[in-house]
Amino acid sequence: MTEPKATNVWNVALPWSDGSLSAKLWQKGKRIVVGVPELDIMCTGKTQSEAVFRLFTTLLKYHKDLKSAPQPLSERQEEHMRLLRDWVESVERKMTHRELTTVR
């Protein structure tokens, strides 16, 4: 018996993201799958919100793991670190800007 194939793939925005990482979302069976092709990372959930939140937290954890990894990093890890560093900085800018706007 073959597994059902994903039929539609959508680009989705990650929470607080500036779009520097392209997240793709699709449904496979009863699960929602969301992933970042540049990093070969995917997460699943019962809903789109759950899957996207899991991906968001997984990306943050992966960034933390790469930062604390023994040096030197492989070329692939260096590229992932560069992508994640830029993404995390954009998330921090958006969160800081929102906090400043809310406090005033």
PDB file of N, CA and C in Angstrom:
ATOM      1  N   MET A   1       0.845  -1.182   0.000  1.00  0.00           N
ATOM      2  CA  MET A   1       0.000   0.000   0.000  1.00  0.00           C
ATOM      3  C   MET A   1       0.889   1.244   0.000  1.00  0.00           C
ATOM      4  N   THR A   2       0.597   2.203  -0.851  1.00  0.00           N
ATOM      5  CA  THR A   2       1.403   3.415  -0.920  1.00  0.00           C
ATOM      6  C   THR A   2       0.797   4.501  -0.043  1.00  0.00           C
ATOM      7  N   GLU A   3       1.686   5.380   0.434  1.00  0.00           N
ATOM      8  CA  GLU A   3       1.231   6.494   1.267  1.00  0.00           C
ATOM      9  C   GLU A   3       0.659   7.586   0.379  1.00  0.00           C
ATOM     10  N   PRO A   4      -0.344   8.321   0.871  1.00  0.00           N
ATOM     11  CA  PRO A   4      -0.873   9.437   0.083  1.00  0.00           C
ATOM     12  C   PRO A   4       0.204  10.501  -0.090  1.00  0.00           C
ATOM     13  N   LYS A   5       0.293  11.050  -1.289  1.00  0.00           N
ATOM     14  CA  LYS A   5       1.287  12.079  -1.563  1.00  0.00           C
ATOM     15  C   LYS A   5       0.709  13.453  -1.267  1.00  0.00           C
ATOM     16  N   ALA A   6       1.598  14.362  -0.893  1.00  0.00           N
ATOM     17  CA  ALA A   6       1.173  15.740  -0.679  1.00  0.00           C
ATOM     18  C   ALA A   6       0.773  16.333  -2.022  1.00  0.00           C
ATOM     19  N   THR A   7      -0.353  16.999  -2.073  1.00  0.00           N
ATOM     20  CA  THR A   7      -0.826  17.527  -3.340  1.00  0.00           C
ATOM     21  C   THR A   7      -0.576  19.020  -3.488  1.00  0.00           C
ATOM     22  N   ASN A   8      -0.736  19.784  -2.443  1.00  0.00           N
ATOM     23  CA  ASN A   8      -0.535  21.226  -2.500  1.00  0.00           C
ATOM     24  C   ASN A   8       0.536  21.643  -1.513  1.00  0.00           C
ATOM     25  N   VAL A   9       1.407  22.529  -1.964  1.00  0.00           N
ATOM     26  CA  VAL A   9       2.455  23.070  -1.100  1.00  0.00           C
ATOM     27  C   VAL A   9       2.274  24.578  -1.079  1.00  0.00           C
ATOM     28  N   TRP A  10       2.239  25.153   0.126  1.00  0.00           N
ATOM     29  CA  TRP A  10       2.068  26.595   0.288  1.00  0.00           C
ATOM     30  C   TRP A  10       3.290  27.187   0.971  1.00  0.00           C
ATOM     31  N   ASN A  11       3.634  28.412   0.587  1.00  0.00           N
ATOM     32  CA  ASN A  11       4.637  29.186   1.308  1.00  0.00           C
ATOM     33  C   ASN A  11       3.941  29.785   2.514  1.00  0.00           C
ATOM     34  N   VAL A  12       4.566  29.688   3.685  1.00  0.00           N
ATOM     35  CA  VAL A  12       3.984  30.249   4.901  1.00  0.00           C
ATOM     36  C   VAL A  12       5.019  31.105   5.617  1.00  0.00           C
ATOM     37  N   ALA A  13       4.529  32.060   6.372  1.00  0.00           N
ATOM     38  CA  ALA A  13       5.409  32.918   7.169  1.00  0.00           C
ATOM     39  C   ALA A  13       5.557  32.315   8.563  1.00  0.00           C
ATOM     40  N   LEU A  14       6.768  32.361   9.063  1.00  0.00           N
ATOM     41  CA  LEU A  14       7.008  31.941  10.442  1.00  0.00           C
ATOM     42  C   LEU A  14       6.722  33.112  11.366  1.00  0.00           C
ATOM     43  N   PRO A  15       6.280  32.849  12.594  1.00  0.00           N
ATOM     44  CA  PRO A  15       6.010  33.944  13.527  1.00  0.00           C
ATOM     45  C   PRO A  15       7.232  34.844  13.684  1.00  0.00           C
ATOM     46  N   TRP A  16       7.039  36.129  13.633  1.00  0.00           N
ATOM     47  CA  TRP A  16       8.067  37.151  13.825  1.00  0.00           C
ATOM     48  C   TRP A  16       9.113  37.173  12.718  1.00  0.00           C
ATOM     49  N   SER A  17       8.958  36.369  11.687  1.00  0.00           N
ATOM     50  CA  SER A  17       9.984  36.244  10.661  1.00  0.00           C
ATOM     51  C   SER A  17       9.886  37.352   9.621  1.00  0.00           C
ATOM     52  N   ASP A  18      11.020  37.646   9.001  1.00  0.00           N
ATOM     53  CA  ASP A  18      11.062  38.645   7.930  1.00  0.00           C
ATOM     54  C   ASP A  18      11.019  37.993   6.553  1.00  0.00           C
ATOM     55  N   GLY A  19      10.850  36.691   6.508  1.00  0.00           N
ATOM     56  CA  GLY A  19      10.799  35.992   5.228  1.00  0.00           C
ATOM     57  C   GLY A  19      12.158  35.560   4.716  1.00  0.00           C
ATOM     58  N   SER A  20      13.209  35.706   5.520  1.00  0.00           N
ATOM     59  CA  SER A  20      14.551  35.334   5.062  1.00  0.00           C
ATOM     60  C   SER A  20      14.710  33.822   4.909  1.00  0.00           C
ATOM     61  N   LEU A  21      13.886  33.049   5.588  1.00  0.00           N
ATOM     62  CA  LEU A  21      13.857  31.606   5.388  1.00  0.00           C
ATOM     63  C   LEU A  21      12.517  31.257   4.750  1.00  0.00           C
ATOM     64  N   SER A  22      12.557  30.419   3.712  1.00  0.00           N
ATOM     65  CA  SER A  22      11.307  30.064   3.045  1.00  0.00           C
ATOM     66  C   SER A  22      10.710  28.822   3.697  1.00  0.00           C
ATOM     67  N   ALA A  23       9.582  28.984   4.317  1.00  0.00           N
ATOM     68  CA  ALA A  23       8.894  27.853   4.941  1.00  0.00           C
ATOM     69  C   ALA A  23       7.816  27.349   3.990  1.00  0.00           C
ATOM     70  N   LYS A  24       7.758  26.053   3.834  1.00  0.00           N
ATOM     71  CA  LYS A  24       6.771  25.395   2.971  1.00  0.00           C
ATOM     72  C   LYS A  24       5.856  24.552   3.847  1.00  0.00           C
ATOM     73  N   LEU A  25       4.583  24.524   3.502  1.00  0.00           N
ATOM     74  CA  LEU A  25       3.597  23.781   4.280  1.00  0.00           C
ATOM     75  C   LEU A  25       2.793  22.893   3.342  1.00  0.00           C
ATOM     76  N   TRP A  26       2.520  21.677   3.789  1.00  0.00           N
ATOM     77  CA  TRP A  26       1.664  20.769   3.037  1.00  0.00           C
ATOM     78  C   TRP A  26       1.008  19.803   3.993  1.00  0.00           C
ATOM     79  N   GLN A  27       0.026  19.074   3.491  1.00  0.00           N
ATOM     80  CA  GLN A  27      -0.666  18.081   4.308  1.00  0.00           C
ATOM     81  C   GLN A  27      -0.313  16.701   3.789  1.00  0.00           C
ATOM     82  N   LYS A  28       0.015  15.808   4.714  1.00  0.00           N
ATOM     83  CA  LYS A  28       0.313  14.428   4.364  1.00  0.00           C
ATOM     84  C   LYS A  28      -0.544  13.555   5.268  1.00  0.00           C
ATOM     85  N   GLY A  29      -1.545  12.945   4.695  1.00  0.00           N
ATOM     86  CA  GLY A  29      -2.494  12.193   5.503  1.00  0.00           C
ATOM     87  C   GLY A  29      -3.266  13.150   6.388  1.00  0.00           C
ATOM     88  N   LYS A  30      -3.291  12.859   7.695  1.00  0.00           N
ATOM     89  CA  LYS A  30      -3.994  13.731   8.642  1.00  0.00           C
ATOM     90  C   LYS A  30      -3.065  14.750   9.288  1.00  0.00           C
ATOM     91  N   ARG A  31      -1.776  14.728   8.958  1.00  0.00           N
ATOM     92  CA  ARG A  31      -0.801  15.615   9.578  1.00  0.00           C
ATOM     93  C   ARG A  31      -0.467  16.793   8.664  1.00  0.00           C
ATOM     94  N   ILE A  32      -0.178  17.919   9.286  1.00  0.00           N
ATOM     95  CA  ILE A  32       0.321  19.097   8.580  1.00  0.00           C
ATOM     96  C   ILE A  32       1.835  19.069   8.711  1.00  0.00           C
ATOM     97  N   VAL A  33       2.532  19.253   7.606  1.00  0.00           N
ATOM     98  CA  VAL A  33       3.994  19.259   7.591  1.00  0.00           C
ATOM     99  C   VAL A  33       4.451  20.643   7.172  1.00  0.00           C
ATOM    100  N   VAL A  34       5.430  21.184   7.876  1.00  0.00           N
ATOM    101  CA  VAL A  34       6.013  22.476   7.508  1.00  0.00           C
ATOM    102  C   VAL A  34       7.525  22.320   7.599  1.00  0.00           C
ATOM    103  N   GLY A  35       8.223  22.895   6.627  1.00  0.00           N
ATOM    104  CA  GLY A  35       9.665  22.730   6.614  1.00  0.00           C
ATOM    105  C   GLY A  35      10.380  23.907   5.984  1.00  0.00           C
ATOM    106  N   VAL A  36      11.678  23.963   6.236  1.00  0.00           N
ATOM    107  CA  VAL A  36      12.551  24.969   5.639  1.00  0.00           C
ATOM    108  C   VAL A  36      13.520  24.215   4.733  1.00  0.00           C
ATOM    109  N   PRO A  37      13.307  24.289   3.417  1.00  0.00           N
ATOM    110  CA  PRO A  37      14.137  23.530   2.488  1.00  0.00           C
ATOM    111  C   PRO A  37      15.633  23.839   2.595  1.00  0.00           C
ATOM    112  N   GLU A  38      15.989  25.099   2.853  1.00  0.00           N
ATOM    113  CA  GLU A  38      17.403  25.476   2.936  1.00  0.00           C
ATOM    114  C   GLU A  38      18.138  24.745   4.058  1.00  0.00           C
ATOM    115  N   LEU A  39      17.410  24.340   5.087  1.00  0.00           N
ATOM    116  CA  LEU A  39      18.021  23.693   6.249  1.00  0.00           C
ATOM    117  C   LEU A  39      17.669  22.208   6.352  1.00  0.00           C
ATOM    118  N   ASP A  40      16.847  21.718   5.451  1.00  0.00           N
ATOM    119  CA  ASP A  40      16.392  20.315   5.503  1.00  0.00           C
ATOM    120  C   ASP A  40      15.755  19.973   6.843  1.00  0.00           C
ATOM    121  N   ILE A  41      14.938  20.889   7.358  1.00  0.00           N
ATOM    122  CA  ILE A  41      14.252  20.678   8.637  1.00  0.00           C
ATOM    123  C   ILE A  41      12.749  20.688   8.391  1.00  0.00           C
ATOM    124  N   MET A  42      12.066  19.697   8.958  1.00  0.00           N
ATOM    125  CA  MET A  42      10.613  19.627   8.852  1.00  0.00           C
ATOM    126  C   MET A  42      10.026  19.302  10.214  1.00  0.00           C
ATOM    127  N   CYS A  43       8.825  19.797  10.460  1.00  0.00           N
ATOM    128  CA  CYS A  43       8.075  19.479  11.674  1.00  0.00           C
ATOM    129  C   CYS A  43       6.631  19.195  11.276  1.00  0.00           C
ATOM    130  N   THR A  44       5.950  18.445  12.125  1.00  0.00           N
ATOM    131  CA  THR A  44       4.558  18.115  11.847  1.00  0.00           C
ATOM    132  C   THR A  44       3.678  18.543  13.015  1.00  0.00           C
ATOM    133  N   GLY A  45       2.394  18.621  12.743  1.00  0.00           N
ATOM    134  CA  GLY A  45       1.422  18.932  13.779  1.00  0.00           C
ATOM    135  C   GLY A  45       0.035  18.562  13.304  1.00  0.00           C
ATOM    136  N   LYS A  46      -0.894  18.590  14.239  1.00  0.00           N
ATOM    137  CA  LYS A  46      -2.287  18.306  13.889  1.00  0.00           C
ATOM    138  C   LYS A  46      -2.930  19.496  13.200  1.00  0.00           C
ATOM    139  N   THR A  47      -2.405  20.696  13.483  1.00  0.00           N
ATOM    140  CA  THR A  47      -2.917  21.922  12.868  1.00  0.00           C
ATOM    141  C   THR A  47      -1.750  22.712  12.281  1.00  0.00           C
ATOM    142  N   GLN A  48      -2.072  23.688  11.444  1.00  0.00           N
ATOM    143  CA  GLN A  48      -1.027  24.534  10.878  1.00  0.00           C
ATOM    144  C   GLN A  48      -0.304  25.305  11.977  1.00  0.00           C
ATOM    145  N   SER A  49      -1.048  25.834  12.928  1.00  0.00           N
ATOM    146  CA  SER A  49      -0.442  26.600  14.020  1.00  0.00           C
ATOM    147  C   SER A  49       0.548  25.753  14.806  1.00  0.00           C
ATOM    148  N   GLU A  50       0.157  24.530  15.115  1.00  0.00           N
ATOM    149  CA  GLU A  50       1.028  23.642  15.883  1.00  0.00           C
ATOM    150  C   GLU A  50       2.303  23.322  15.100  1.00  0.00           C
ATOM    151  N   ALA A  51       2.163  23.007  13.826  1.00  0.00           N
ATOM    152  CA  ALA A  51       3.327  22.653  13.013  1.00  0.00           C
ATOM    153  C   ALA A  51       4.281  23.841  12.861  1.00  0.00           C
ATOM    154  N   VAL A  52       3.740  25.030  12.606  1.00  0.00           N
ATOM    155  CA  VAL A  52       4.572  26.226  12.441  1.00  0.00           C
ATOM    156  C   VAL A  52       5.258  26.574  13.754  1.00  0.00           C
ATOM    157  N   PHE A  53       4.554  26.471  14.879  1.00  0.00           N
ATOM    158  CA  PHE A  53       5.172  26.749  16.179  1.00  0.00           C
ATOM    159  C   PHE A  53       6.303  25.765  16.465  1.00  0.00           C
ATOM    160  N   ARG A  54       6.083  24.495  16.167  1.00  0.00           N
ATOM    161  CA  ARG A  54       7.136  23.496  16.369  1.00  0.00           C
ATOM    162  C   ARG A  54       8.363  23.809  15.515  1.00  0.00           C
ATOM    163  N   LEU A  55       8.125  24.231  14.270  1.00  0.00           N
ATOM    164  CA  LEU A  55       9.249  24.583  13.408  1.00  0.00           C
ATOM    165  C   LEU A  55       9.988  25.796  13.959  1.00  0.00           C
ATOM    166  N   PHE A  56       9.258  26.799  14.381  1.00  0.00           N
ATOM    167  CA  PHE A  56       9.854  28.010  14.951  1.00  0.00           C
ATOM    168  C   PHE A  56      10.763  27.653  16.126  1.00  0.00           C
ATOM    169  N   THR A  57      10.276  26.841  17.054  1.00  0.00           N
ATOM    170  CA  THR A  57      11.082  26.477  18.223  1.00  0.00           C
ATOM    171  C   THR A  57      12.241  25.564  17.837  1.00  0.00           C
ATOM    172  N   THR A  58      12.048  24.712  16.849  1.00  0.00           N
ATOM    173  CA  THR A  58      13.130  23.846  16.381  1.00  0.00           C
ATOM    174  C   THR A  58      14.251  24.670  15.761  1.00  0.00           C
ATOM    175  N   LEU A  59      13.905  25.690  15.002  1.00  0.00           N
ATOM    176  CA  LEU A  59      14.923  26.561  14.403  1.00  0.00           C
ATOM    177  C   LEU A  59      15.719  27.295  15.472  1.00  0.00           C
ATOM    178  N   LEU A  60      15.024  27.776  16.497  1.00  0.00           N
ATOM    179  CA  LEU A  60      15.734  28.456  17.595  1.00  0.00           C
ATOM    180  C   LEU A  60      16.683  27.501  18.319  1.00  0.00           C
ATOM    181  N   LYS A  61      16.234  26.273  18.554  1.00  0.00           N
ATOM    182  CA  LYS A  61      17.077  25.283  19.226  1.00  0.00           C
ATOM    183  C   LYS A  61      18.270  24.909  18.351  1.00  0.00           C
ATOM    184  N   TYR A  62      18.050  24.730  17.066  1.00  0.00           N
ATOM    185  CA  TYR A  62      19.141  24.394  16.150  1.00  0.00           C
ATOM    186  C   TYR A  62      20.172  25.520  16.130  1.00  0.00           C
ATOM    187  N   HIS A  63      19.711  26.769  16.120  1.00  0.00           N
ATOM    188  CA  HIS A  63      20.629  27.916  16.165  1.00  0.00           C
ATOM    189  C   HIS A  63      21.466  27.872  17.449  1.00  0.00           C
ATOM    190  N   LYS A  64      20.820  27.610  18.568  1.00  0.00           N
ATOM    191  CA  LYS A  64      21.519  27.522  19.855  1.00  0.00           C
ATOM    192  C   LYS A  64      22.545  26.379  19.826  1.00  0.00           C
ATOM    193  N   ASP A  65      22.150  25.238  19.278  1.00  0.00           N
ATOM    194  CA  ASP A  65      23.068  24.094  19.193  1.00  0.00           C
ATOM    195  C   ASP A  65      24.283  24.408  18.322  1.00  0.00           C
ATOM    196  N   LEU A  66      24.069  25.076  17.200  1.00  0.00           N
ATOM    197  CA  LEU A  66      25.193  25.435  16.333  1.00  0.00           C
ATOM    198  C   LEU A  66      26.124  26.434  17.018  1.00  0.00           C
ATOM    199  N   LYS A  67      25.534  27.389  17.758  1.00  0.00           N
ATOM    200  CA  LYS A  67      26.365  28.373  18.466  1.00  0.00           C
ATOM    201  C   LYS A  67      27.252  27.712  19.509  1.00  0.00           C
ATOM    202  N   SER A  68      26.746  26.655  20.143  1.00  0.00           N
ATOM    203  CA  SER A  68      27.512  26.015  21.209  1.00  0.00           C
ATOM    204  C   SER A  68      28.331  24.819  20.716  1.00  0.00           C
ATOM    205  N   ALA A  69      28.267  24.521  19.416  1.00  0.00           N
ATOM    206  CA  ALA A  69      29.003  23.375  18.872  1.00  0.00           C
ATOM    207  C   ALA A  69      30.500  23.668  18.879  1.00  0.00           C
ATOM    208  N   PRO A  70      31.296  22.613  19.075  1.00  0.00           N
ATOM    209  CA  PRO A  70      32.746  22.814  19.026  1.00  0.00           C
ATOM    210  C   PRO A  70      33.163  23.315  17.640  1.00  0.00           C
ATOM    211  N   GLN A  71      34.116  24.209  17.639  1.00  0.00           N
ATOM    212  CA  GLN A  71      34.593  24.776  16.381  1.00  0.00           C
ATOM    213  C   GLN A  71      35.702  23.893  15.834  1.00  0.00           C
ATOM    214  N   PRO A  72      35.995  23.836  14.570  1.00  0.00           N
ATOM    215  CA  PRO A  72      35.297  24.545  13.509  1.00  0.00           C
ATOM    216  C   PRO A  72      34.073  23.780  13.034  1.00  0.00           C
ATOM    217  N   LEU A  73      33.101  24.519  12.526  1.00  0.00           N
ATOM    218  CA  LEU A  73      31.902  23.921  11.965  1.00  0.00           C
ATOM    219  C   LEU A  73      32.190  23.462  10.528  1.00  0.00           C
ATOM    220  N   SER A  74      31.443  22.482  10.073  1.00  0.00           N
ATOM    221  CA  SER A  74      31.562  22.054   8.677  1.00  0.00           C
ATOM    222  C   SER A  74      31.012  23.155   7.770  1.00  0.00           C
ATOM    223  N   GLU A  75      31.262  23.054   6.474  1.00  0.00           N
ATOM    224  CA  GLU A  75      30.748  24.057   5.535  1.00  0.00           C
ATOM    225  C   GLU A  75      29.230  24.137   5.604  1.00  0.00           C
ATOM    226  N   ARG A  76      28.591  22.981   5.685  1.00  0.00           N
ATOM    227  CA  ARG A  76      27.133  22.954   5.748  1.00  0.00           C
ATOM    228  C   ARG A  76      26.641  23.624   7.034  1.00  0.00           C
ATOM    229  N   GLN A  77      27.292  23.316   8.161  1.00  0.00           N
ATOM    230  CA  GLN A  77      26.912  23.931   9.430  1.00  0.00           C
ATOM    231  C   GLN A  77      27.142  25.438   9.385  1.00  0.00           C
ATOM    232  N   GLU A  78      28.233  25.873   8.759  1.00  0.00           N
ATOM    233  CA  GLU A  78      28.512  27.308   8.637  1.00  0.00           C
ATOM    234  C   GLU A  78      27.410  28.010   7.854  1.00  0.00           C
ATOM    235  N   GLU A  79      26.972  27.394   6.753  1.00  0.00           N
ATOM    236  CA  GLU A  79      25.895  27.980   5.949  1.00  0.00           C
ATOM    237  C   GLU A  79      24.593  28.026   6.738  1.00  0.00           C
ATOM    238  N   HIS A  80      24.281  26.945   7.450  1.00  0.00           N
ATOM    239  CA  HIS A  80      23.079  26.925   8.289  1.00  0.00           C
ATOM    240  C   HIS A  80      23.178  28.000   9.375  1.00  0.00           C
ATOM    241  N   MET A  81      24.361  28.135   9.969  1.00  0.00           N
ATOM    242  CA  MET A  81      24.559  29.132  11.023  1.00  0.00           C
ATOM    243  C   MET A  81      24.337  30.543  10.478  1.00  0.00           C
ATOM    244  N   ARG A  82      24.853  30.807   9.278  1.00  0.00           N
ATOM    245  CA  ARG A  82      24.675  32.127   8.669  1.00  0.00           C
ATOM    246  C   ARG A  82      23.192  32.404   8.429  1.00  0.00           C
ATOM    247  N   LEU A  83      22.469  31.441   7.853  1.00  0.00           N
ATOM    248  CA  LEU A  83      21.034  31.617   7.604  1.00  0.00           C
ATOM    249  C   LEU A  83      20.265  31.835   8.902  1.00  0.00           C
ATOM    250  N   LEU A  84      20.571  31.025   9.903  1.00  0.00           N
ATOM    251  CA  LEU A  84      19.856  31.124  11.179  1.00  0.00           C
ATOM    252  C   LEU A  84      20.217  32.396  11.935  1.00  0.00           C
ATOM    253  N   ARG A  85      21.486  32.798  11.894  1.00  0.00           N
ATOM    254  CA  ARG A  85      21.897  34.026  12.588  1.00  0.00           C
ATOM    255  C   ARG A  85      21.141  35.220  12.019  1.00  0.00           C
ATOM    256  N   ASP A  86      21.076  35.315  10.687  1.00  0.00           N
ATOM    257  CA  ASP A  86      20.339  36.415  10.057  1.00  0.00           C
ATOM    258  C   ASP A  86      18.862  36.362  10.428  1.00  0.00           C
ATOM    259  N   TRP A  87      18.306  35.157  10.431  1.00  0.00           N
ATOM    260  CA  TRP A  87      16.889  34.994  10.755  1.00  0.00           C
ATOM    261  C   TRP A  87      16.612  35.372  12.210  1.00  0.00           C
ATOM    262  N   VAL A  88      17.442  34.892  13.142  1.00  0.00           N
ATOM    263  CA  VAL A  88      17.253  35.189  14.566  1.00  0.00           C
ATOM    264  C   VAL A  88      17.391  36.689  14.811  1.00  0.00           C
ATOM    265  N   GLU A  89      18.357  37.327  14.166  1.00  0.00           N
ATOM    266  CA  GLU A  89      18.513  38.778  14.325  1.00  0.00           C
ATOM    267  C   GLU A  89      17.269  39.520  13.845  1.00  0.00           C
ATOM    268  N   SER A  90      16.679  39.062  12.744  1.00  0.00           N
ATOM    269  CA  SER A  90      15.465  39.727  12.253  1.00  0.00           C
ATOM    270  C   SER A  90      14.295  39.517  13.211  1.00  0.00           C
ATOM    271  N   VAL A  91      14.204  38.318  13.799  1.00  0.00           N
ATOM    272  CA  VAL A  91      13.156  38.043  14.788  1.00  0.00           C
ATOM    273  C   VAL A  91      13.348  38.955  16.003  1.00  0.00           C
ATOM    274  N   GLU A  92      14.591  39.064  16.481  1.00  0.00           N
ATOM    275  CA  GLU A  92      14.868  39.922  17.645  1.00  0.00           C
ATOM    276  C   GLU A  92      14.545  41.376  17.350  1.00  0.00           C
ATOM    277  N   ARG A  93      14.881  41.848  16.139  1.00  0.00           N
ATOM    278  CA  ARG A  93      14.559  43.243  15.762  1.00  0.00           C
ATOM    279  C   ARG A  93      13.056  43.468  15.791  1.00  0.00           C
ATOM    280  N   LYS A  94      12.305  42.530  15.215  1.00  0.00           N
ATOM    281  CA  LYS A  94      10.850  42.686  15.185  1.00  0.00           C
ATOM    282  C   LYS A  94      10.270  42.670  16.591  1.00  0.00           C
ATOM    283  N   MET A  95      10.758  41.784  17.441  1.00  0.00           N
ATOM    284  CA  MET A  95      10.240  41.705  18.806  1.00  0.00           C
ATOM    285  C   MET A  95      10.605  42.956  19.589  1.00  0.00           C
ATOM    286  N   THR A  96      11.809  43.450  19.417  1.00  0.00           N
ATOM    287  CA  THR A  96      12.246  44.657  20.116  1.00  0.00           C
ATOM    288  C   THR A  96      11.449  45.859  19.634  1.00  0.00           C
ATOM    289  N   HIS A  97      11.256  45.968  18.328  1.00  0.00           N
ATOM    290  CA  HIS A  97      10.499  47.082  17.771  1.00  0.00           C
ATOM    291  C   HIS A  97       9.070  47.050  18.303  1.00  0.00           C
ATOM    292  N   ARG A  98       8.474  45.869  18.366  1.00  0.00           N
ATOM    293  CA  ARG A  98       7.104  45.753  18.865  1.00  0.00           C
ATOM    294  C   ARG A  98       7.036  46.147  20.341  1.00  0.00           C
ATOM    295  N   GLU A  99       8.043  45.716  21.129  1.00  0.00           N
ATOM    296  CA  GLU A  99       8.060  46.071  22.547  1.00  0.00           C
ATOM    297  C   GLU A  99       8.175  47.580  22.726  1.00  0.00           C
ATOM    298  N   LEU A 100       9.043  48.213  21.932  1.00  0.00           N
ATOM    299  CA  LEU A 100       9.199  49.656  22.043  1.00  0.00           C
ATOM    300  C   LEU A 100       7.907  50.370  21.651  1.00  0.00           C
ATOM    301  N   THR A 101       7.247  49.880  20.628  1.00  0.00           N
ATOM    302  CA  THR A 101       5.997  50.481  20.182  1.00  0.00           C
ATOM    303  C   THR A 101       4.905  50.292  21.230  1.00  0.00           C
ATOM    304  N   THR A 102       4.840  49.125  21.858  1.00  0.00           N
ATOM    305  CA  THR A 102       3.819  48.827  22.843  1.00  0.00           C
ATOM    306  C   THR A 102       4.024  49.621  24.126  1.00  0.00           C
ATOM    307  N   VAL A 103       5.278  49.812  24.542  1.00  0.00           N
ATOM    308  CA  VAL A 103       5.582  50.487  25.801  1.00  0.00           C
ATOM    309  C   VAL A 103       5.217  51.965  25.719  1.00  0.00           C
ATOM    310  N   ARG A 104       5.387  52.573  24.592  1.00  0.00           N
ATOM    311  CA  ARG A 104       5.156  54.018  24.462  1.00  0.00           C
ATOM    312  C   ARG A 104       3.749  54.379  24.613  1.00  0.00           C
TER     313      ARG A 104
END
